């Protein structure tokens, strides 16, 4: 098929198809008149390239993977692709943890801005919106804190904990999701610096708990023990 037909079938612009050829990703045959032609395998090749790009892989790595994909076995593709995806995941989680810390800082600054006096005079010692945030602390105290800790112990005490960038991941039976979600919502009311994320994985549910580095003792107290 000609390049216009391939572009129509795949939604990839012809300019991108030419660029892929120059980059060594998408070989093309030539007619005697010099027109590019492609077989049906080019469609699958472009699907593979598109998937790899969505996973954040650079073109240089995609070119390496294509050589395995074209000539190797499924097992070889898996063994080559998996560590690359795992590395992207680790990087994304590191960036997500950093964004979470930044969001906590911004939320704190907004709260301080809202609390600042609305007077016409110059700012004084009570104008603290841009100061370093105070150490995080849970609004619960005494029996309230002890009760919340006990609730978490009952809900996640037998979870499989795993350290992740910025916090901990707990793996539980999916049947616990509703109880864990309830506790996470209650926890954020008193400890807004904690971030929670639930995601399902077959019969399991993973609870990711993240917090600023200086709140690590609170995370350990509640979720690691």
C-alpha atoms as a PDB file:
ATOM      1  CA  UNK A   1       0.000   0.000   0.000  1.00  0.00           C
ATOM      2  CA  UNK A   2       1.111   3.579  -0.592  1.00  0.00           C
ATOM      3  CA  UNK A   3       1.966   5.924   2.259  1.00  0.00           C
ATOM      4  CA  UNK A   4      -1.358   7.778   1.955  1.00  0.00           C
ATOM      5  CA  UNK A   5      -3.273   4.518   2.404  1.00  0.00           C
ATOM      6  CA  UNK A   6      -1.173   3.523   5.444  1.00  0.00           C
ATOM      7  CA  UNK A   7      -1.747   6.939   6.980  1.00  0.00           C
ATOM      8  CA  UNK A   8      -5.490   6.562   6.399  1.00  0.00           C
ATOM      9  CA  UNK A   9      -5.616   3.067   7.944  1.00  0.00           C
ATOM     10  CA  UNK A  10      -3.574   3.900  11.035  1.00  0.00           C
ATOM     11  CA  UNK A  11      -4.264   7.581  11.657  1.00  0.00           C
ATOM     12  CA  UNK A  12      -0.513   8.276  11.639  1.00  0.00           C
ATOM     13  CA  UNK A  13       0.299  11.298   9.457  1.00  0.00           C
ATOM     14  CA  UNK A  14       2.416  10.704   6.382  1.00  0.00           C
ATOM     15  CA  UNK A  15       5.027  13.137   7.706  1.00  0.00           C
ATOM     16  CA  UNK A  16       5.394  10.949  10.811  1.00  0.00           C
ATOM     17  CA  UNK A  17       5.651   7.811   8.678  1.00  0.00           C
ATOM     18  CA  UNK A  18       8.510   9.375   6.739  1.00  0.00           C
ATOM     19  CA  UNK A  19      10.185  10.374   9.989  1.00  0.00           C
ATOM     20  CA  UNK A  20       9.842   6.822  11.317  1.00  0.00           C
ATOM     21  CA  UNK A  21      11.541   5.519   8.188  1.00  0.00           C
ATOM     22  CA  UNK A  22      14.429   7.963   8.619  1.00  0.00           C
ATOM     23  CA  UNK A  23      14.703   6.927  12.297  1.00  0.00           C
ATOM     24  CA  UNK A  24      14.934   3.244  11.394  1.00  0.00           C
ATOM     25  CA  UNK A  25      11.550   2.318  12.863  1.00  0.00           C
ATOM     26  CA  UNK A  26       9.444   1.687   9.765  1.00  0.00           C
ATOM     27  CA  UNK A  27      11.146   0.298   6.642  1.00  0.00           C
ATOM     28  CA  UNK A  28       9.501   0.919   3.287  1.00  0.00           C
ATOM     29  CA  UNK A  29       9.876  -0.572  -0.165  1.00  0.00           C
ATOM     30  CA  UNK A  30      10.109   1.647  -3.243  1.00  0.00           C
ATOM     31  CA  UNK A  31       8.343   1.445  -6.557  1.00  0.00           C
ATOM     32  CA  UNK A  32      10.357   2.044  -9.744  1.00  0.00           C
ATOM     33  CA  UNK A  33       9.005   5.586  -9.634  1.00  0.00           C
ATOM     34  CA  UNK A  34      10.334   6.047  -6.092  1.00  0.00           C
ATOM     35  CA  UNK A  35       7.031   5.899  -4.192  1.00  0.00           C
ATOM     36  CA  UNK A  36       7.040   4.274  -0.750  1.00  0.00           C
ATOM     37  CA  UNK A  37       5.053   1.061  -0.367  1.00  0.00           C
ATOM     38  CA  UNK A  38       4.214  -0.931   2.743  1.00  0.00           C
ATOM     39  CA  UNK A  39       2.885  -4.384   3.530  1.00  0.00           C
ATOM     40  CA  UNK A  40       0.165  -5.202   6.057  1.00  0.00           C
ATOM     41  CA  UNK A  41       2.839  -5.865   8.702  1.00  0.00           C
ATOM     42  CA  UNK A  42       3.469  -2.106   8.786  1.00  0.00           C
ATOM     43  CA  UNK A  43       0.081  -1.660  10.484  1.00  0.00           C
ATOM     44  CA  UNK A  44       1.049  -3.974  13.337  1.00  0.00           C
ATOM     45  CA  UNK A  45       4.466  -2.360  13.534  1.00  0.00           C
ATOM     46  CA  UNK A  46       2.861   1.064  13.940  1.00  0.00           C
ATOM     47  CA  UNK A  47       0.550  -0.304  16.640  1.00  0.00           C
ATOM     48  CA  UNK A  48       3.593  -1.557  18.521  1.00  0.00           C
ATOM     49  CA  UNK A  49       5.344   1.815  18.126  1.00  0.00           C
ATOM     50  CA  UNK A  50       2.260   3.666  19.333  1.00  0.00           C
ATOM     51  CA  UNK A  51       1.904   1.461  22.407  1.00  0.00           C
ATOM     52  CA  UNK A  52       5.581   1.829  23.274  1.00  0.00           C
ATOM     53  CA  UNK A  53       5.353   5.621  22.928  1.00  0.00           C
ATOM     54  CA  UNK A  54       2.347   5.729  25.259  1.00  0.00           C
ATOM     55  CA  UNK A  55       4.465   3.840  27.803  1.00  0.00           C
ATOM     56  CA  UNK A  56       6.990   6.666  27.642  1.00  0.00           C
ATOM     57  CA  UNK A  57       9.725   4.811  25.775  1.00  0.00           C
ATOM     58  CA  UNK A  58      12.045   6.955  23.636  1.00  0.00           C
ATOM     59  CA  UNK A  59      12.415   6.193  19.957  1.00  0.00           C
ATOM     60  CA  UNK A  60      15.931   4.804  20.427  1.00  0.00           C
ATOM     61  CA  UNK A  61      14.608   2.129  22.794  1.00  0.00           C
ATOM     62  CA  UNK A  62      11.614   1.462  20.562  1.00  0.00           C
ATOM     63  CA  UNK A  63      13.998   0.796  17.681  1.00  0.00           C
ATOM     64  CA  UNK A  64      15.846  -1.775  19.815  1.00  0.00           C
ATOM     65  CA  UNK A  65      12.569  -3.389  20.842  1.00  0.00           C
ATOM     66  CA  UNK A  66      11.340  -3.571  17.261  1.00  0.00           C
ATOM     67  CA  UNK A  67      14.321  -5.717  16.321  1.00  0.00           C
ATOM     68  CA  UNK A  68      13.327  -8.210  19.034  1.00  0.00           C
ATOM     69  CA  UNK A  69       9.632  -7.931  18.186  1.00  0.00           C
ATOM     70  CA  UNK A  70      10.251  -8.593  14.498  1.00  0.00           C
ATOM     71  CA  UNK A  71      12.664 -11.525  14.824  1.00  0.00           C
ATOM     72  CA  UNK A  72      12.355 -12.878  18.373  1.00  0.00           C
ATOM     73  CA  UNK A  73       9.886 -14.878  20.388  1.00  0.00           C
ATOM     74  CA  UNK A  74       7.120 -13.556  22.607  1.00  0.00           C
ATOM     75  CA  UNK A  75       9.235 -14.491  25.637  1.00  0.00           C
ATOM     76  CA  UNK A  76      12.120 -12.422  24.294  1.00  0.00           C
ATOM     77  CA  UNK A  77       9.861  -9.419  23.764  1.00  0.00           C
ATOM     78  CA  UNK A  78       8.577  -9.767  27.310  1.00  0.00           C
ATOM     79  CA  UNK A  79      12.033 -10.069  28.869  1.00  0.00           C
ATOM     80  CA  UNK A  80      13.275  -7.042  26.929  1.00  0.00           C
ATOM     81  CA  UNK A  81      10.208  -4.857  27.466  1.00  0.00           C
ATOM     82  CA  UNK A  82       9.396  -5.591  31.103  1.00  0.00           C
ATOM     83  CA  UNK A  83      12.459  -3.952  32.758  1.00  0.00           C
ATOM     84  CA  UNK A  84      12.010  -0.880  30.573  1.00  0.00           C
ATOM     85  CA  UNK A  85       8.374  -0.495  31.661  1.00  0.00           C
ATOM     86  CA  UNK A  86       9.318  -1.150  35.299  1.00  0.00           C
ATOM     87  CA  UNK A  87      11.925   1.617  35.096  1.00  0.00           C
ATOM     88  CA  UNK A  88       9.329   4.036  33.684  1.00  0.00           C
ATOM     89  CA  UNK A  89       6.913   3.072  36.458  1.00  0.00           C
ATOM     90  CA  UNK A  90       9.521   3.717  39.143  1.00  0.00           C
ATOM     91  CA  UNK A  91      10.313   7.080  37.598  1.00  0.00           C
ATOM     92  CA  UNK A  92       6.620   7.993  37.367  1.00  0.00           C
ATOM     93  CA  UNK A  93       6.075   7.042  41.016  1.00  0.00           C
ATOM     94  CA  UNK A  94       9.055   9.159  42.082  1.00  0.00           C
ATOM     95  CA  UNK A  95       7.628  12.112  40.187  1.00  0.00           C
ATOM     96  CA  UNK A  96       4.158  11.461  41.608  1.00  0.00           C
ATOM     97  CA  UNK A  97       5.566  11.447  45.139  1.00  0.00           C
ATOM     98  CA  UNK A  98       7.316  14.736  44.455  1.00  0.00           C
ATOM     99  CA  UNK A  99       4.117  16.242  43.054  1.00  0.00           C
ATOM    100  CA  UNK A 100       2.227  15.065  46.112  1.00  0.00           C
ATOM    101  CA  UNK A 101       4.715  16.821  48.404  1.00  0.00           C
ATOM    102  CA  UNK A 102       4.439  19.955  46.281  1.00  0.00           C
ATOM    103  CA  UNK A 103       0.631  19.814  46.433  1.00  0.00           C
ATOM    104  CA  UNK A 104       0.820  19.582  50.236  1.00  0.00           C
ATOM    105  CA  UNK A 105       3.080  22.652  50.283  1.00  0.00           C
ATOM    106  CA  UNK A 106       0.691  24.593  48.043  1.00  0.00           C
ATOM    107  CA  UNK A 107      -2.335  23.535  50.108  1.00  0.00           C
ATOM    108  CA  UNK A 108      -0.576  24.735  53.248  1.00  0.00           C
ATOM    109  CA  UNK A 109       0.294  28.048  51.612  1.00  0.00           C
ATOM    110  CA  UNK A 110      -3.308  28.528  50.490  1.00  0.00           C
ATOM    111  CA  UNK A 111      -4.558  27.858  54.005  1.00  0.00           C
ATOM    112  CA  UNK A 112      -2.143  30.420  55.396  1.00  0.00           C
ATOM    113  CA  UNK A 113      -3.135  32.951  52.766  1.00  0.00           C
ATOM    114  CA  UNK A 114      -6.781  32.527  53.699  1.00  0.00           C
ATOM    115  CA  UNK A 115      -5.868  33.085  57.354  1.00  0.00           C
ATOM    116  CA  UNK A 116      -3.837  36.249  56.731  1.00  0.00           C
ATOM    117  CA  UNK A 117      -5.316  39.524  57.986  1.00  0.00           C
ATOM    118  CA  UNK A 118      -7.010  41.725  55.408  1.00  0.00           C
ATOM    119  CA  UNK A 119      -5.588  45.048  56.533  1.00  0.00           C
ATOM    120  CA  UNK A 120      -4.145  47.956  54.607  1.00  0.00           C
ATOM    121  CA  UNK A 121      -0.953  48.119  56.670  1.00  0.00           C
ATOM    122  CA  UNK A 122       2.298  46.376  55.697  1.00  0.00           C
ATOM    123  CA  UNK A 123       2.674  42.699  56.538  1.00  0.00           C
ATOM    124  CA  UNK A 124       3.905  41.820  60.005  1.00  0.00           C
ATOM    125  CA  UNK A 125       4.846  38.637  61.827  1.00  0.00           C
ATOM    126  CA  UNK A 126       1.365  37.228  61.237  1.00  0.00           C
ATOM    127  CA  UNK A 127       1.870  37.285  57.448  1.00  0.00           C
ATOM    128  CA  UNK A 128       3.329  33.803  57.176  1.00  0.00           C
ATOM    129  CA  UNK A 129       1.866  32.416  53.974  1.00  0.00           C
ATOM    130  CA  UNK A 130       5.268  31.942  52.331  1.00  0.00           C
ATOM    131  CA  UNK A 131       7.125  30.614  55.359  1.00  0.00           C
ATOM    132  CA  UNK A 132       8.337  27.026  55.401  1.00  0.00           C
ATOM    133  CA  UNK A 133       5.398  24.750  56.273  1.00  0.00           C
ATOM    134  CA  UNK A 134       5.176  23.641  59.856  1.00  0.00           C
ATOM    135  CA  UNK A 135       5.857  19.963  60.633  1.00  0.00           C
ATOM    136  CA  UNK A 136       2.879  17.863  59.709  1.00  0.00           C
ATOM    137  CA  UNK A 137       0.722  16.514  62.497  1.00  0.00           C
ATOM    138  CA  UNK A 138      -2.543  14.637  62.736  1.00  0.00           C
ATOM    139  CA  UNK A 139      -5.521  16.535  64.137  1.00  0.00           C
ATOM    140  CA  UNK A 140      -6.486  13.470  66.156  1.00  0.00           C
ATOM    141  CA  UNK A 141      -5.098  13.219  69.664  1.00  0.00           C
ATOM    142  CA  UNK A 142      -5.323  10.879  72.626  1.00  0.00           C
ATOM    143  CA  UNK A 143      -8.155   8.353  72.426  1.00  0.00           C
ATOM    144  CA  UNK A 144      -9.087   9.529  68.925  1.00  0.00           C
ATOM    145  CA  UNK A 145      -5.631   8.728  67.604  1.00  0.00           C
ATOM    146  CA  UNK A 146      -5.513   5.399  69.420  1.00  0.00           C
ATOM    147  CA  UNK A 147      -8.932   4.464  68.054  1.00  0.00           C
ATOM    148  CA  UNK A 148      -7.950   5.330  64.496  1.00  0.00           C
ATOM    149  CA  UNK A 149      -4.742   3.324  64.758  1.00  0.00           C
ATOM    150  CA  UNK A 150      -6.741   0.351  66.007  1.00  0.00           C
ATOM    151  CA  UNK A 151      -9.160   0.664  63.076  1.00  0.00           C
ATOM    152  CA  UNK A 152      -6.283   0.596  60.634  1.00  0.00           C
ATOM    153  CA  UNK A 153      -4.743  -2.367  62.438  1.00  0.00           C
ATOM    154  CA  UNK A 154      -7.976  -4.343  62.022  1.00  0.00           C
ATOM    155  CA  UNK A 155      -8.352  -3.345  58.372  1.00  0.00           C
ATOM    156  CA  UNK A 156      -4.775  -3.771  57.117  1.00  0.00           C
ATOM    157  CA  UNK A 157      -2.944  -5.636  59.876  1.00  0.00           C
ATOM    158  CA  UNK A 158      -2.472  -8.718  57.690  1.00  0.00           C
ATOM    159  CA  UNK A 159      -1.654  -6.756  54.507  1.00  0.00           C
ATOM    160  CA  UNK A 160       1.512  -7.337  52.552  1.00  0.00           C
ATOM    161  CA  UNK A 161       3.433  -4.033  52.838  1.00  0.00           C
ATOM    162  CA  UNK A 162       5.872  -2.900  50.176  1.00  0.00           C
ATOM    163  CA  UNK A 163       7.918   0.272  50.213  1.00  0.00           C
ATOM    164  CA  UNK A 164       7.265   2.569  47.243  1.00  0.00           C
ATOM    165  CA  UNK A 165       8.700   6.010  46.525  1.00  0.00           C
ATOM    166  CA  UNK A 166       7.215   8.409  49.043  1.00  0.00           C
ATOM    167  CA  UNK A 167       5.323   5.862  51.085  1.00  0.00           C
ATOM    168  CA  UNK A 168       4.051   2.308  51.294  1.00  0.00           C
ATOM    169  CA  UNK A 169       1.816  -0.035  49.272  1.00  0.00           C
ATOM    170  CA  UNK A 170      -0.484  -2.453  51.073  1.00  0.00           C
ATOM    171  CA  UNK A 171      -1.954  -5.452  49.242  1.00  0.00           C
ATOM    172  CA  UNK A 172      -5.261  -6.771  50.558  1.00  0.00           C
ATOM    173  CA  UNK A 173      -8.180  -8.923  49.444  1.00  0.00           C
ATOM    174  CA  UNK A 174     -10.458  -6.902  47.165  1.00  0.00           C
ATOM    175  CA  UNK A 175     -13.344  -7.510  49.581  1.00  0.00           C
ATOM    176  CA  UNK A 176     -11.702  -5.019  51.972  1.00  0.00           C
ATOM    177  CA  UNK A 177     -11.824  -2.149  49.491  1.00  0.00           C
ATOM    178  CA  UNK A 178     -14.960  -0.493  50.884  1.00  0.00           C
ATOM    179  CA  UNK A 179     -13.670  -0.478  54.474  1.00  0.00           C
ATOM    180  CA  UNK A 180     -10.235   0.761  53.435  1.00  0.00           C
ATOM    181  CA  UNK A 181     -11.776   3.519  51.292  1.00  0.00           C
ATOM    182  CA  UNK A 182     -13.909   4.644  54.261  1.00  0.00           C
ATOM    183  CA  UNK A 183     -10.888   4.816  56.528  1.00  0.00           C
ATOM    184  CA  UNK A 184      -8.812   6.637  53.908  1.00  0.00           C
ATOM    185  CA  UNK A 185     -11.520   9.295  53.513  1.00  0.00           C
ATOM    186  CA  UNK A 186     -11.704   9.751  57.302  1.00  0.00           C
ATOM    187  CA  UNK A 187      -7.927   9.909  57.547  1.00  0.00           C
ATOM    188  CA  UNK A 188      -7.651  12.716  55.024  1.00  0.00           C
ATOM    189  CA  UNK A 189     -10.018  14.841  57.087  1.00  0.00           C
ATOM    190  CA  UNK A 190      -7.586  14.864  60.013  1.00  0.00           C
ATOM    191  CA  UNK A 191      -4.323  14.286  58.126  1.00  0.00           C
ATOM    192  CA  UNK A 192      -4.631  16.052  54.733  1.00  0.00           C
ATOM    193  CA  UNK A 193      -0.917  15.615  54.087  1.00  0.00           C
ATOM    194  CA  UNK A 194      -1.514  11.892  53.508  1.00  0.00           C
ATOM    195  CA  UNK A 195      -2.327  10.767  49.978  1.00  0.00           C
ATOM    196  CA  UNK A 196      -4.257   7.574  49.228  1.00  0.00           C
ATOM    197  CA  UNK A 197      -4.787   5.620  46.023  1.00  0.00           C
ATOM    198  CA  UNK A 198      -6.738   2.378  45.596  1.00  0.00           C
ATOM    199  CA  UNK A 199      -6.307   0.181  42.539  1.00  0.00           C
ATOM    200  CA  UNK A 200      -7.690  -3.254  41.863  1.00  0.00           C
ATOM    201  CA  UNK A 201      -5.636  -6.215  40.655  1.00  0.00           C
ATOM    202  CA  UNK A 202      -7.786  -9.311  40.188  1.00  0.00           C
ATOM    203  CA  UNK A 203      -8.655 -10.703  43.639  1.00  0.00           C
ATOM    204  CA  UNK A 204      -6.469  -8.081  45.356  1.00  0.00           C
ATOM    205  CA  UNK A 205      -6.663  -4.384  45.979  1.00  0.00           C
ATOM    206  CA  UNK A 206      -3.552  -2.233  46.428  1.00  0.00           C
ATOM    207  CA  UNK A 207      -3.624   0.763  48.748  1.00  0.00           C
ATOM    208  CA  UNK A 208      -0.830   3.259  48.122  1.00  0.00           C
ATOM    209  CA  UNK A 209      -0.211   5.662  50.991  1.00  0.00           C
ATOM    210  CA  UNK A 210       2.144   8.572  50.387  1.00  0.00           C
ATOM    211  CA  UNK A 211       3.261  11.496  52.505  1.00  0.00           C
ATOM    212  CA  UNK A 212       6.031  14.086  52.696  1.00  0.00           C
ATOM    213  CA  UNK A 213       9.357  12.675  53.855  1.00  0.00           C
ATOM    214  CA  UNK A 214       9.041  14.277  57.291  1.00  0.00           C
ATOM    215  CA  UNK A 215       5.694  12.489  57.794  1.00  0.00           C
ATOM    216  CA  UNK A 216       7.218   9.029  57.312  1.00  0.00           C
ATOM    217  CA  UNK A 217       6.911   8.165  61.049  1.00  0.00           C
ATOM    218  CA  UNK A 218       3.130   8.668  60.861  1.00  0.00           C
ATOM    219  CA  UNK A 219       2.896   6.395  57.819  1.00  0.00           C
ATOM    220  CA  UNK A 220       4.964   3.748  59.583  1.00  0.00           C
ATOM    221  CA  UNK A 221       2.863   3.996  62.752  1.00  0.00           C
ATOM    222  CA  UNK A 222      -0.416   3.574  60.913  1.00  0.00           C
ATOM    223  CA  UNK A 223       0.428   1.196  58.106  1.00  0.00           C
ATOM    224  CA  UNK A 224       3.682  -0.645  58.755  1.00  0.00           C
ATOM    225  CA  UNK A 225       3.827  -1.152  62.499  1.00  0.00           C
END
